[in-house]
């Protein structure tokens, strides 16, 4: 099961990295739009749609990546004080009770939304460019499926932690700059006491 967990985690990380390029496209399109709008006084009709779709794609497809990296926001004021077995039990119950029903709804209704959008060849109503959006709506059920897959891996992690009392290590990826700097920083020497004035 460990190999399966890491295979699912690898898929989630690969997907997050691939859709991370949406940030570059988003940044370039915003920069281009600002330049042509305010410097050349010739705004585009397509930039807003591209920005919305890139942000939406990134938001949807990075969910499984964030779950695989344990990077979602967690209110762990008390949780972090619990023993590992209790943490894993709480996570297991919460995944079954809240996470999976929510992701199942996302995948189920997202499939309906995407299929309707493909049937009508839906286009954006936000601008006169009339950009096609049905292929972007396909990301809704895909995100739900990837999140459920990663959620299954998290359930396996919980079961292993309940049995062993130790969390499985996660596959390493990019870390916050602060964490990386702290890991590389040498130990500081203990502070010297201040000299007393004479």
Protein backbone atom coordinates (compact mmCIF):
# COMPACT_ATOMS: atom_id res chain seq x y z
CA UNK A 1 0.00 0.00 0.00
CA UNK A 2 2.94 2.34 0.59
CA UNK A 3 3.86 2.20 -3.11
CA UNK A 4 0.26 3.01 -4.04
CA UNK A 5 0.20 5.99 -1.67
CA UNK A 6 3.42 7.35 -3.15
CA UNK A 7 2.20 6.73 -6.71
CA UNK A 8 -0.95 8.75 -6.02
CA UNK A 9 1.10 11.43 -4.28
CA UNK A 10 3.46 11.59 -7.28
CA UNK A 11 0.48 12.10 -9.60
CA UNK A 12 -0.85 14.90 -7.38
CA UNK A 13 2.57 16.59 -7.26
CA UNK A 14 3.03 16.27 -11.03
CA UNK A 15 -0.45 17.77 -11.64
CA UNK A 16 0.24 20.66 -9.26
CA UNK A 17 3.56 21.42 -10.94
CA UNK A 18 2.04 21.24 -14.42
CA UNK A 19 -0.81 23.60 -13.58
CA UNK A 20 1.59 25.85 -11.67
CA UNK A 21 2.53 27.24 -15.10
CA UNK A 22 -0.89 28.91 -15.09
CA UNK A 23 0.69 31.49 -12.77
CA UNK A 24 3.15 32.49 -15.49
CA UNK A 25 0.40 32.76 -18.12
CA UNK A 26 -1.74 34.72 -15.65
CA UNK A 27 1.12 37.10 -14.82
CA UNK A 28 2.00 37.70 -18.46
CA UNK A 29 -1.61 38.30 -19.50
CA UNK A 30 -2.19 40.76 -16.63
CA UNK A 31 1.06 42.59 -17.42
CA UNK A 32 0.21 42.74 -21.12
CA UNK A 33 -3.31 44.01 -20.42
CA UNK A 34 -2.06 46.72 -18.04
CA UNK A 35 0.51 47.86 -20.58
CA UNK A 36 -1.82 48.06 -23.58
CA UNK A 37 -4.67 49.54 -21.55
CA UNK A 38 -2.82 52.29 -19.70
CA UNK A 39 0.18 52.99 -21.93
CA UNK A 40 -1.23 52.41 -25.42
CA UNK A 41 -4.89 53.08 -24.51
CA UNK A 42 -5.95 49.95 -26.47
CA UNK A 43 -7.45 47.42 -24.01
CA UNK A 44 -7.97 43.84 -25.16
CA UNK A 45 -11.25 41.95 -25.20
CA UNK A 46 -9.73 38.60 -24.24
CA UNK A 47 -7.33 39.26 -21.32
CA UNK A 48 -9.97 39.21 -18.57
CA UNK A 49 -11.25 35.80 -19.69
CA UNK A 50 -7.74 34.37 -19.86
CA UNK A 51 -7.01 35.67 -16.35
CA UNK A 52 -10.19 34.16 -14.88
CA UNK A 53 -9.64 30.81 -16.59
CA UNK A 54 -5.97 30.54 -15.59
CA UNK A 55 -6.76 31.41 -11.98
CA UNK A 56 -9.68 28.97 -11.94
CA UNK A 57 -7.60 26.19 -13.47
CA UNK A 58 -4.80 26.75 -10.95
CA UNK A 59 -7.22 26.87 -8.02
CA UNK A 60 -8.99 23.66 -9.05
CA UNK A 61 -6.00 21.57 -10.05
CA UNK A 62 -3.70 22.55 -7.18
CA UNK A 63 -6.06 21.13 -4.55
CA UNK A 64 -4.75 17.56 -4.73
CA UNK A 65 -1.17 18.89 -4.76
CA UNK A 66 -1.79 20.92 -1.59
CA UNK A 67 -3.39 17.88 0.07
CA UNK A 68 -0.42 15.68 -0.91
CA UNK A 69 1.96 18.23 0.62
CA UNK A 70 -0.19 18.71 3.74
CA UNK A 71 -0.33 22.40 2.84
CA UNK A 72 -4.03 23.14 3.33
CA UNK A 73 -4.88 25.54 6.13
CA UNK A 74 -5.56 23.64 9.32
CA UNK A 75 -6.88 24.97 12.62
CA UNK A 76 -4.50 22.89 14.70
CA UNK A 77 -4.39 24.79 17.97
CA UNK A 78 -5.28 21.62 19.89
CA UNK A 79 -4.76 19.01 17.15
CA UNK A 80 -0.95 19.38 17.15
CA UNK A 81 -0.88 18.59 20.87
CA UNK A 82 -2.61 15.21 20.42
CA UNK A 83 -0.69 11.93 20.02
CA UNK A 84 -0.27 10.70 16.43
CA UNK A 85 -2.85 7.91 16.81
CA UNK A 86 -5.50 10.40 17.95
CA UNK A 87 -4.60 12.81 15.12
CA UNK A 88 -4.92 9.98 12.59
CA UNK A 89 -8.27 8.87 14.06
CA UNK A 90 -9.64 12.42 13.87
CA UNK A 91 -8.39 12.83 10.28
CA UNK A 92 -9.85 9.47 9.27
CA UNK A 93 -13.29 10.34 10.65
CA UNK A 94 -13.25 13.83 9.12
CA UNK A 95 -12.18 12.52 5.70
CA UNK A 96 -15.03 10.01 5.67
CA UNK A 97 -17.62 12.39 7.10
CA UNK A 98 -16.89 15.65 5.28
CA UNK A 99 -14.14 15.37 2.68
CA UNK A 100 -15.38 12.47 0.57
CA UNK A 101 -19.04 13.57 0.40
CA UNK A 102 -17.88 17.05 -0.68
CA UNK A 103 -15.49 15.73 -3.32
CA UNK A 104 -18.08 13.25 -4.57
CA UNK A 105 -20.51 16.16 -5.01
CA UNK A 106 -17.82 18.17 -6.80
CA UNK A 107 -17.10 15.32 -9.22
CA UNK A 108 -20.78 14.39 -9.72
CA UNK A 109 -22.20 17.86 -10.28
CA UNK A 110 -19.03 18.98 -12.01
CA UNK A 111 -19.58 16.21 -14.56
CA UNK A 112 -23.11 17.48 -15.20
CA UNK A 113 -21.87 21.08 -15.54
CA UNK A 114 -19.05 20.06 -17.90
CA UNK A 115 -21.25 17.83 -20.06
CA UNK A 116 -23.88 20.58 -20.42
CA UNK A 117 -21.14 23.06 -21.28
CA UNK A 118 -19.74 20.73 -23.97
CA UNK A 119 -23.22 20.08 -25.35
CA UNK A 120 -23.90 23.80 -25.81
CA UNK A 121 -20.29 24.68 -26.74
CA UNK A 122 -20.48 27.30 -24.00
CA UNK A 123 -18.61 30.57 -24.44
CA UNK A 124 -17.77 33.30 -21.96
CA UNK A 125 -20.33 36.04 -21.46
CA UNK A 126 -17.77 38.33 -19.74
CA UNK A 127 -16.36 39.86 -22.89
CA UNK A 128 -17.08 40.34 -26.59
CA UNK A 129 -14.25 37.87 -27.40
CA UNK A 130 -16.67 34.97 -26.69
CA UNK A 131 -13.87 32.64 -25.59
CA UNK A 132 -14.85 28.95 -25.32
CA UNK A 133 -14.99 27.79 -21.71
CA UNK A 134 -16.36 24.25 -21.98
CA UNK A 135 -12.91 22.66 -21.91
CA UNK A 136 -12.07 24.59 -18.73
CA UNK A 137 -15.27 23.37 -17.09
CA UNK A 138 -13.97 19.84 -17.66
CA UNK A 139 -11.43 20.60 -14.93
CA UNK A 140 -14.20 20.67 -12.29
CA UNK A 141 -14.92 16.90 -12.25
CA UNK A 142 -11.25 16.14 -12.93
CA UNK A 143 -10.27 18.11 -9.81
CA UNK A 144 -12.90 16.22 -7.79
CA UNK A 145 -11.54 12.89 -9.03
CA UNK A 146 -7.91 13.82 -8.23
CA UNK A 147 -8.88 15.06 -4.78
CA UNK A 148 -10.75 11.82 -4.05
CA UNK A 149 -7.73 9.84 -5.23
CA UNK A 150 -5.42 11.82 -2.97
CA UNK A 151 -8.01 11.54 -0.19
CA UNK A 152 -7.79 7.75 -0.49
CA UNK A 153 -4.02 8.01 -0.05
CA UNK A 154 -4.61 10.16 3.04
CA UNK A 155 -6.95 7.51 4.46
CA UNK A 156 -4.23 4.89 4.02
CA UNK A 157 -1.81 7.22 5.79
CA UNK A 158 -4.29 7.54 8.66
CA UNK A 159 -4.72 3.77 8.98
CA UNK A 160 -0.93 3.27 9.04
CA UNK A 161 -0.54 6.01 11.65
CA UNK A 162 -3.29 4.49 13.81
CA UNK A 163 -1.50 1.10 13.67
CA UNK A 164 2.09 2.30 14.11
CA UNK A 165 1.81 5.63 15.92
CA UNK A 166 4.02 7.28 13.29
CA UNK A 167 3.05 9.34 10.23
CA UNK A 168 4.38 8.14 6.88
CA UNK A 169 6.89 10.62 5.44
CA UNK A 170 5.63 12.66 2.51
CA UNK A 171 7.32 13.03 -0.84
CA UNK A 172 9.39 16.19 -0.76
CA UNK A 173 8.67 19.10 -3.04
CA UNK A 174 9.01 22.85 -2.90
CA UNK A 175 8.94 24.31 0.59
CA UNK A 176 8.33 27.81 1.85
CA UNK A 177 11.47 29.96 1.63
CA UNK A 178 11.44 30.49 5.38
CA UNK A 179 11.41 26.72 6.04
CA UNK A 180 14.25 26.15 3.58
CA UNK A 181 16.36 28.92 5.12
CA UNK A 182 15.78 27.63 8.64
CA UNK A 183 16.83 24.13 7.60
CA UNK A 184 20.06 25.45 6.05
CA UNK A 185 20.92 27.94 8.81
CA UNK A 186 23.73 26.98 11.18
CA UNK A 187 22.98 26.82 14.86
CA UNK A 188 23.38 30.20 16.47
CA UNK A 189 25.80 30.39 19.40
CA UNK A 190 24.13 31.10 22.72
CA UNK A 191 23.76 34.75 23.46
CA UNK A 192 26.39 36.27 25.72
CA UNK A 193 25.10 38.02 28.77
CA UNK A 194 25.18 41.77 28.53
CA UNK A 195 28.04 43.47 30.27
CA UNK A 196 27.06 45.44 33.30
CA UNK A 197 27.86 49.14 33.07
CA UNK A 198 30.76 50.20 35.33
